[in-house]
Each structure stands twice: as structure tokens, then as C-alpha cells.
């Protein structure tokens, strides 16, 4: 499968949305109930496979009650499309080639020692042909058409190897529209340093630490894997081209949202996003749909009035005054609903802002 075909398939998946709602994602009613019980703003912790998410989840779960946000710790099945707009999220990334090697070796040992997930049929076939990450990556440019096709099937069949970052975040353009909801971006290569920044943003105790035990962190205790050849790296750079682009974008974004860079620099980024998708008090569908329906009804009534002997006064209504009044009153329903939704979002953002100010003041003290 070509890179273009994979991108089209991933884009369709992101646009069609998830087939079901994962268990860790609360329903609207459940979210409202949780907000009443716990006034802390929610923070969705997305778990991108093979990026240090297990270690991060381990320590956040241990200190969740002390955090200044209500932490929603998700599994691999939760993507950005599950996170409601206006609610913040955090995630970690990793160099795509390093992630490929880790994913290959992890599935080669069936995710042991922390877990034990037996090979699926596609993985069993892949590992019977390609015994190392080097062999698989190099085979992607093999002159042997059969070997090259087998390598492409293996890349699509091995868990985590077959899940690009687009699966969680969609395209960069769609991710840009959620920049205002990004709380923190971490990287596996510097996870210890990034966790110190995240710890301060969440108000966690100084003694909070990432696990060092390889089993708890779901990290291999084996020796560092052998470096890949230039051919293998070139093939992977081509295969994961969109991943490299996304990581590059997030490397520039991280200093602006993590607290280790000037937050004012976020303004030009977010203003450019706003120029592409201007904010509206009401979603357009709440306004257009009722107006189209009432226009059709009014046109029908006018035609009936003109070409028939129908007397509207027999029904107690007068054309056109009563019909126009009824249409305007009905339009108030979506307007009122949208206004209440906007006020709810505003209240949530104000609460998050006040919490941030309190944290800044306490840090200054």
C-alpha cells in the first residue's frame, strides 16, 4: 500500500470518527455529573502507543487526587476525536524510527514481561519472515517484489508499527483547530525532564517520580538495539513521512504550551488558526436548518394562499403575520440552546484560567 493510500485511509477514519465510544470517555451526562462532584477542569491524557505512556499513566494515577485537574487516563483506543472541544488534553510523542524499533521488538516478545499478548496471525507470519527491525525496514525497498510486498504487509500487520500518529490526531490541519485545547506535549526521549514541567503545571508534589522499574514502565531491560542501516532509515522516513512532519510541528509547539517558553508566542499561532476557522457563538447548523425549514413552509403557504381558495382565518391564523411570528419564536429555541452552551464553555475556561492564576501566584510565593 502506497503512502498516499495509507494517508487517504487514515483521513477517512479520522473524519468518519470512532465506531464506538471507549469506556474511559464519559458521556455528556456522565461528564456533567463528574463536574458537579469534582469542580476541577478535566484533562484528557491520551496514550499514544510506544511513547512512554505507560510510565506516565503509572505516576499520574498514583497522584491523581493531588492534581489541579481531573485526570482522565485513557488507553490506546481513545483519540483526539473523542475529546470534546473546549476540554484540554496532553500526550507524548517519540521519534518515529525509534518508535518503530520499540514496537517491533515489543511485539516480537509479545509485550512481555509486563503483559502477555500472543501474536495475531498477521504478526506470526511477519515475524517468521522478518526476524529483526533491520530486515523488515530494509525489505521495504527490496528489488524482489514478493519480499517487498511481504514487508508492506508486515508493516500493516504488526501492532503499533501499523498505527501512525494520524490515527490519534488526524492531519496537522485538523490538529491546528484544537491548539487552544493542548495542555502539554511530552517526548519519550526527554520524558524525565518533560515530566518535571508537567508536574509543575499539574501542581503535583515534588516527590512524584516516573517509575524506574522496567516492568512498571513497560520498558525493555535488554541491551540497546543495534542501529539501523542507512537504507532502513531512509525507507522508514519515507513510510512515516507524515509522522515526522507531525513530530516536527509538535517540537515547535511544545515550548509554547509546556511552560518552558514564552506563552505570548502562542498568540500568532492561535490567531492564524482563528483566521482559518472563525469562532461563532452558534454552530451554523443550528441556524441554517430551522431557517430553511421555515422558508419552505412559508413558500408553501404563500402558494396555497395565491392559487387556492383556502382561508387561513378558519384555522385561527392570519397570513402572513402569524406565520412570521411563529417562525421567529421557533428560531429562539436553537439560539437559546447555543447561548447556554456558549456560557457553559465560557464558565469552564474561566475556571481553568483562575486555577492557572492561583498556581502562578503560589509558585511566585
Protein backbone atom coordinates (compact mmCIF):
# COMPACT_ATOMS: atom_id res chain seq x y z
CA UNK A 1 0.00 0.00 0.00
CA UNK A 2 1.43 3.37 -1.00
CA UNK A 3 1.94 6.29 1.38
CA UNK A 4 -0.84 8.21 -0.38
CA UNK A 5 -3.27 5.31 0.03
CA UNK A 6 -2.44 5.00 3.74
CA UNK A 7 -2.96 8.74 4.20
CA UNK A 8 -6.36 8.58 2.49
CA UNK A 9 -7.45 5.65 4.66
CA UNK A 10 -6.31 7.40 7.86
CA UNK A 11 -8.03 10.63 6.81
CA UNK A 12 -11.30 8.79 6.19
CA UNK A 13 -11.05 7.13 9.60
CA UNK A 14 -10.47 10.46 11.32
CA UNK A 15 -13.35 12.14 9.50
CA UNK A 16 -15.82 9.31 9.97
CA UNK A 17 -14.92 9.23 13.66
CA UNK A 18 -14.72 6.27 16.00
CA UNK A 19 -17.15 3.39 15.66
CA UNK A 20 -17.81 3.27 19.40
CA UNK A 21 -17.10 5.32 22.48
CA UNK A 22 -14.31 3.84 24.64
CA UNK A 23 -15.07 3.10 28.27
CA UNK A 24 -12.80 5.82 29.65
CA UNK A 25 -14.60 8.56 27.71
CA UNK A 26 -17.58 9.81 29.75
CA UNK A 27 -20.92 10.51 28.13
CA UNK A 28 -22.27 14.06 28.19
CA UNK A 29 -24.44 13.24 31.18
CA UNK A 30 -21.58 11.45 32.91
CA UNK A 31 -19.30 14.40 32.26
CA UNK A 32 -21.80 16.82 33.82
CA UNK A 33 -22.21 14.59 36.86
CA UNK A 34 -18.43 14.31 37.26
CA UNK A 35 -18.11 18.10 37.01
CA UNK A 36 -20.64 18.53 39.81
CA UNK A 37 -18.80 16.06 42.04
CA UNK A 38 -15.34 17.36 41.16
CA UNK A 39 -15.02 21.02 40.19
CA UNK A 40 -11.52 20.62 38.77
CA UNK A 41 -11.34 21.11 34.99
CA UNK A 42 -10.95 17.81 33.09
CA UNK A 43 -7.66 16.89 31.43
CA UNK A 44 -7.58 14.03 28.94
CA UNK A 45 -4.32 12.07 28.96
CA UNK A 46 -4.03 10.40 25.55
CA UNK A 47 -1.90 7.25 25.39
CA UNK A 48 -0.09 7.00 22.06
CA UNK A 49 1.48 3.55 21.75
CA UNK A 50 5.23 3.14 22.44
CA UNK A 51 5.83 6.74 23.55
CA UNK A 52 6.27 6.29 27.31
CA UNK A 53 2.58 6.48 28.08
CA UNK A 54 2.57 3.51 30.46
CA UNK A 55 5.16 5.11 32.75
CA UNK A 56 3.33 8.44 32.65
CA UNK A 57 -0.03 6.84 33.42
CA UNK A 58 1.54 4.93 36.32
CA UNK A 59 2.68 8.08 38.15
CA UNK A 60 -0.37 10.19 37.25
CA UNK A 61 -2.71 7.53 38.57
CA UNK A 62 -0.78 7.44 41.82
CA UNK A 63 -1.02 11.24 42.29
CA UNK A 64 -4.32 11.98 40.54
CA UNK A 65 -6.09 13.22 43.68
CA UNK A 66 -3.45 15.91 44.26
CA UNK A 67 -3.57 17.29 40.70
CA UNK A 68 -5.26 20.60 39.97
CA UNK A 69 -7.07 18.95 37.04
CA UNK A 70 -9.41 15.97 36.98
CA UNK A 71 -7.25 13.47 35.12
CA UNK A 72 -8.93 11.21 32.57
CA UNK A 73 -6.36 8.49 31.84
CA UNK A 74 -7.14 6.83 28.53
CA UNK A 75 -5.92 3.76 26.67
CA UNK A 76 -4.71 3.36 23.11
CA UNK A 77 -8.29 3.32 21.80
CA UNK A 78 -9.01 6.95 22.71
CA UNK A 79 -8.11 9.53 20.07
CA UNK A 80 -8.42 13.29 19.85
CA UNK A 81 -11.77 12.88 18.12
CA UNK A 82 -13.15 11.51 21.41
CA UNK A 83 -12.11 14.62 23.39
CA UNK A 84 -14.89 17.26 23.45
CA UNK A 85 -13.93 20.66 22.12
CA UNK A 86 -13.08 23.03 24.93
CA UNK A 87 -11.62 20.27 27.12
CA UNK A 88 -7.83 20.12 27.40
CA UNK A 89 -5.62 17.14 26.56
CA UNK A 90 -1.99 16.08 26.87
CA UNK A 91 0.08 13.42 25.10
CA UNK A 92 3.61 12.19 24.44
CA UNK A 93 5.40 11.50 21.15
CA UNK A 94 8.58 9.78 20.05
CA UNK A 95 10.96 9.78 17.11
CA UNK A 96 9.12 7.61 14.52
CA UNK A 97 12.14 5.38 13.78
CA UNK A 98 12.83 4.76 17.47
CA UNK A 99 9.12 4.07 17.94
CA UNK A 100 9.18 1.55 15.08
CA UNK A 101 12.11 -0.35 16.62
CA UNK A 102 10.45 -0.38 20.05
CA UNK A 103 7.13 -1.53 18.59
CA UNK A 104 8.76 -4.32 16.57
CA UNK A 105 10.80 -5.65 19.48
CA UNK A 106 7.90 -5.29 21.90
CA UNK A 107 5.57 -7.38 19.77
CA UNK A 108 8.39 -9.82 18.99
CA UNK A 109 8.42 -10.72 22.71
CA UNK A 110 4.60 -10.48 22.88
CA UNK A 111 4.80 -7.37 25.12
CA UNK A 112 6.40 -9.31 27.97
CA UNK A 113 7.30 -9.00 30.80
CA UNK A 114 4.58 -6.51 31.86
CA UNK A 115 1.89 -8.07 29.65
CA UNK A 116 1.48 -11.14 27.51
CA UNK A 117 -0.47 -10.59 24.31
CA UNK A 118 0.07 -13.55 21.96
CA UNK A 119 0.81 -12.86 18.32
CA UNK A 120 -2.06 -12.37 15.95
CA UNK A 121 -1.97 -14.31 12.67
CA UNK A 122 -0.54 -11.35 10.75
CA UNK A 123 2.21 -10.92 13.33
CA UNK A 124 3.07 -14.61 13.34
CA UNK A 125 3.57 -14.51 9.58
CA UNK A 126 5.55 -11.24 9.76
CA UNK A 127 7.97 -12.48 12.43
CA UNK A 128 8.52 -15.77 10.62
CA UNK A 129 9.87 -13.78 7.66
CA UNK A 130 11.50 -10.76 9.31
CA UNK A 131 13.42 -11.54 12.49
CA UNK A 132 14.75 -8.04 13.20
CA UNK A 133 13.65 -4.43 12.66
CA UNK A 134 16.58 -4.02 10.24
CA UNK A 135 15.41 -6.84 7.98
CA UNK A 136 11.84 -5.53 7.84
CA UNK A 137 12.77 -1.90 7.23
CA UNK A 138 15.37 -2.77 4.57
CA UNK A 139 12.91 -5.04 2.75
CA UNK A 140 10.61 -2.07 2.08
CA UNK A 141 12.88 -1.17 -0.86
CA UNK A 142 13.79 -4.71 -1.88
CA UNK A 143 14.14 -5.28 -5.65
CA UNK A 144 12.30 -8.56 -5.06
CA UNK A 145 8.63 -7.70 -5.50
CA UNK A 146 7.48 -10.63 -3.34
CA UNK A 147 9.75 -9.66 -0.43
CA UNK A 148 8.75 -6.00 -0.72
CA UNK A 149 5.04 -6.90 -0.64
CA UNK A 150 5.62 -9.12 2.40
CA UNK A 151 7.36 -6.24 4.16
CA UNK A 152 4.47 -3.89 3.45
CA UNK A 153 2.00 -6.46 4.80
CA UNK A 154 4.14 -6.81 7.93
CA UNK A 155 4.18 -3.04 8.44
CA UNK A 156 0.39 -3.11 8.26
CA UNK A 157 0.03 -6.20 10.46
CA UNK A 158 2.33 -5.65 13.47
CA UNK A 159 0.64 -3.78 16.31
CA UNK A 160 1.96 -0.24 17.00
CA UNK A 161 4.09 -0.47 13.86
CA UNK A 162 0.83 -0.08 11.93
CA UNK A 163 -0.52 2.91 13.89
CA UNK A 164 0.81 6.30 12.72
CA UNK A 165 0.24 9.44 14.73
CA UNK A 166 -2.54 10.38 12.33
CA UNK A 167 -4.63 7.65 13.96
CA UNK A 168 -4.79 9.68 17.17
CA UNK A 169 -4.62 13.26 15.88
CA UNK A 170 -5.76 13.29 12.25
CA UNK A 171 -3.99 15.66 9.89
CA UNK A 172 -1.92 18.61 11.04
CA UNK A 173 -4.63 20.92 9.72
CA UNK A 174 -7.29 19.27 11.87
CA UNK A 175 -4.90 19.26 14.85
CA UNK A 176 -4.34 23.01 14.41
CA UNK A 177 -8.03 23.58 15.08
CA UNK A 178 -7.55 22.10 18.56
CA UNK A 179 -4.45 24.09 19.56
CA UNK A 180 -6.35 26.03 22.20
CA UNK A 181 -7.09 22.71 23.97
CA UNK A 182 -3.46 21.49 24.08
CA UNK A 183 -2.31 21.41 27.71
CA UNK A 184 1.09 19.72 27.40
CA UNK A 185 3.24 17.92 24.81
CA UNK A 186 5.89 15.49 26.04
CA UNK A 187 8.56 13.45 24.27
CA UNK A 188 9.77 9.99 25.18
CA UNK A 189 13.42 10.87 24.57
CA UNK A 190 13.32 13.52 27.33
CA UNK A 191 10.45 12.19 29.40
CA UNK A 192 12.15 12.75 32.76
CA UNK A 193 12.70 16.44 32.04
CA UNK A 194 9.25 16.89 30.49
CA UNK A 195 7.59 15.24 33.47
CA UNK A 196 9.14 17.84 35.76
CA UNK A 197 7.42 20.54 33.68
CA UNK A 198 4.13 18.64 33.63
CA UNK A 199 4.39 18.08 37.38
CA UNK A 200 4.58 21.83 37.97
CA UNK A 201 1.65 22.54 35.65
CA UNK A 202 -0.47 19.97 37.47
CA UNK A 203 0.63 21.08 40.94
CA UNK A 204 1.92 17.62 41.89
CA UNK A 205 4.14 17.01 44.89
CA UNK A 206 7.91 17.30 44.33
CA UNK A 207 8.39 13.64 45.25
CA UNK A 208 6.26 12.44 42.31
CA UNK A 209 8.58 10.45 40.04
CA UNK A 210 8.31 8.31 36.93
CA UNK A 211 8.79 4.59 37.66
CA UNK A 212 12.32 3.27 37.22
CA UNK A 213 11.35 -0.40 37.23
CA UNK A 214 11.31 -1.68 33.61
CA UNK A 215 8.19 -3.78 34.22
CA UNK A 216 6.18 -0.91 35.70
CA UNK A 217 7.32 1.39 32.90
CA UNK A 218 6.67 -1.29 30.24
CA UNK A 219 10.25 -0.80 29.07
CA UNK A 220 12.62 -3.48 27.83
CA UNK A 221 15.53 -4.28 30.13
CA UNK A 222 17.50 -5.71 27.23
CA UNK A 223 20.57 -4.11 25.69
CA UNK A 224 20.17 -1.12 23.38
CA UNK A 225 19.07 -2.43 19.95
CA UNK A 226 21.54 -2.33 17.09
CA UNK A 227 21.37 0.83 14.97
CA UNK A 228 19.59 0.61 11.64
CA UNK A 229 21.35 0.86 8.32
CA UNK A 230 21.05 3.93 6.13
CA UNK A 231 18.77 2.04 3.75
CA UNK A 232 16.45 1.01 6.56
CA UNK A 233 16.29 4.54 7.96
CA UNK A 234 15.58 6.02 4.54
CA UNK A 235 12.75 3.54 3.97
CA UNK A 236 11.23 4.33 7.36
CA UNK A 237 11.50 8.06 6.79
CA UNK A 238 9.50 7.58 3.62
CA UNK A 239 6.98 5.23 5.28
CA UNK A 240 6.41 7.50 8.29
CA UNK A 241 6.71 10.82 6.42
CA UNK A 242 3.56 12.28 7.96
CA UNK A 243 4.71 11.20 11.43
CA UNK A 244 7.98 13.08 11.01
CA UNK A 245 6.05 16.15 9.91
CA UNK A 246 3.76 15.94 12.95
CA UNK A 247 6.66 15.47 15.37
CA UNK A 248 8.42 18.49 13.87
CA UNK A 249 5.30 20.59 14.34
CA UNK A 250 4.91 19.48 17.97
CA UNK A 251 8.59 20.14 18.73
CA UNK A 252 7.94 23.77 17.86
CA UNK A 253 4.65 23.80 19.77
CA UNK A 254 5.94 22.21 23.00
CA UNK A 255 7.92 25.20 24.37
CA UNK A 256 4.87 27.40 23.90
CA UNK A 257 2.44 25.24 25.88
CA UNK A 258 4.65 23.40 28.36
CA UNK A 259 5.69 26.41 30.41
CA UNK A 260 9.36 26.41 29.40
CA UNK A 261 8.90 29.09 26.74
CA UNK A 262 7.12 32.45 26.34
CA UNK A 263 3.39 31.79 26.28
CA UNK A 264 2.79 35.02 24.38
CA UNK A 265 4.15 33.32 21.28
CA UNK A 266 1.00 31.24 21.18
CA UNK A 267 -0.95 34.29 20.05
CA UNK A 268 0.20 34.32 16.41
CA UNK A 269 -0.32 30.56 16.12
CA UNK A 270 -3.82 30.66 17.51
CA UNK A 271 -4.75 33.81 15.61
CA UNK A 272 -3.78 32.13 12.36
CA UNK A 273 -5.96 29.20 13.30
CA UNK A 274 -8.84 31.53 14.13
CA UNK A 275 -8.50 33.18 10.73
CA UNK A 276 -8.98 29.79 9.10
CA UNK A 277 -11.94 28.76 11.22
CA UNK A 278 -13.56 31.84 12.82
CA UNK A 279 -15.27 31.32 16.14
CA UNK A 280 -19.05 31.52 16.16
CA UNK A 281 -21.44 31.85 19.02
CA UNK A 282 -23.65 29.21 17.40
CA UNK A 283 -22.73 26.34 15.10
CA UNK A 284 -24.08 27.15 11.65
CA UNK A 285 -26.30 24.07 11.59
CA UNK A 286 -28.38 25.43 14.49
CA UNK A 287 -29.31 28.46 12.41
CA UNK A 288 -29.46 27.25 8.81
CA UNK A 289 -31.62 24.15 9.32
CA UNK A 290 -34.56 25.93 11.03
CA UNK A 291 -34.45 28.84 8.59
CA UNK A 292 -34.52 26.54 5.58
CA UNK A 293 -37.49 24.67 7.03
CA UNK A 294 -39.42 27.84 7.78
CA UNK A 295 -38.64 29.29 4.36
CA UNK A 296 -40.01 26.15 2.71
CA UNK A 297 -43.12 26.31 4.89
CA UNK A 298 -43.66 30.00 4.14
CA UNK A 299 -43.25 29.42 0.40
CA UNK A 300 -45.78 26.60 0.51
CA UNK A 301 -48.24 28.74 2.47
CA UNK A 302 -47.84 31.61 0.00
CA UNK A 303 -48.52 29.31 -2.95
CA UNK A 304 -51.59 27.88 -1.27
CA UNK A 305 -52.84 31.38 -0.49
CA UNK A 306 -52.31 32.51 -4.09
CA UNK A 307 -53.63 29.57 -6.10
CA UNK A 308 -56.41 28.17 -3.86
CA UNK A 309 -59.45 29.38 -2.02
CA UNK A 310 -58.01 28.36 1.32
CA UNK A 311 -58.98 30.83 4.03
CA UNK A 312 -56.34 30.76 6.78
CA UNK A 313 -58.66 32.56 9.18
CA UNK A 314 -60.74 29.37 9.51
CA UNK A 315 -57.82 27.89 11.47
CA UNK A 316 -57.44 30.99 13.59
CA UNK A 317 -54.23 32.09 11.84
CA UNK A 318 -53.74 35.09 9.61
CA UNK A 319 -51.28 35.18 6.75
CA UNK A 320 -48.55 36.38 6.87
CA UNK A 321 -48.28 37.97 10.34
CA UNK A 322 -48.98 34.89 12.46
CA UNK A 323 -46.73 32.63 10.42
CA UNK A 324 -43.78 35.04 10.60
CA UNK A 325 -44.26 35.36 14.36
CA UNK A 326 -44.33 31.57 14.77
CA UNK A 327 -41.15 31.22 12.71
CA UNK A 328 -39.30 33.81 14.79
CA UNK A 329 -40.41 32.18 18.05
CA UNK A 330 -39.21 28.77 16.83
CA UNK A 331 -35.82 30.27 15.90
CA UNK A 332 -35.37 31.24 19.54
CA UNK A 333 -35.04 27.57 20.50
CA UNK A 334 -31.66 26.88 18.78
CA UNK A 335 -30.49 30.38 19.69
CA UNK A 336 -31.22 29.79 23.38
CA UNK A 337 -29.62 26.35 23.29
CA UNK A 338 -26.48 27.69 21.63
CA UNK A 339 -26.24 30.56 24.08
CA UNK A 340 -26.44 28.23 27.07
CA UNK A 341 -23.74 26.01 25.53
CA UNK A 342 -21.50 29.03 24.96
CA UNK A 343 -21.99 30.19 28.55
CA UNK A 344 -21.09 26.69 29.82
CA UNK A 345 -17.88 26.67 27.78
CA UNK A 346 -17.04 30.19 28.98
CA UNK A 347 -17.54 29.16 32.59
CA UNK A 348 -15.21 26.18 32.15
CA UNK A 349 -12.50 28.35 30.60
CA UNK A 350 -12.79 30.96 33.33
CA UNK A 351 -12.40 28.24 35.97
CA UNK A 352 -9.28 26.94 34.18
CA UNK A 353 -7.85 30.47 33.94
CA UNK A 354 -8.44 31.17 37.64
CA UNK A 355 -6.78 27.88 38.51
CA UNK A 356 -3.78 28.82 36.39
CA UNK A 357 -3.50 32.21 38.10
CA UNK A 358 -3.63 30.60 41.53
CA UNK A 359 -0.86 28.20 40.52
CA UNK A 360 1.26 31.08 39.20
CA UNK A 361 0.78 33.01 42.44
CA UNK A 362 1.72 30.06 44.59
CA UNK A 363 4.84 29.45 42.50
CA UNK A 364 5.86 33.09 42.94
CA UNK A 365 5.48 32.79 46.68
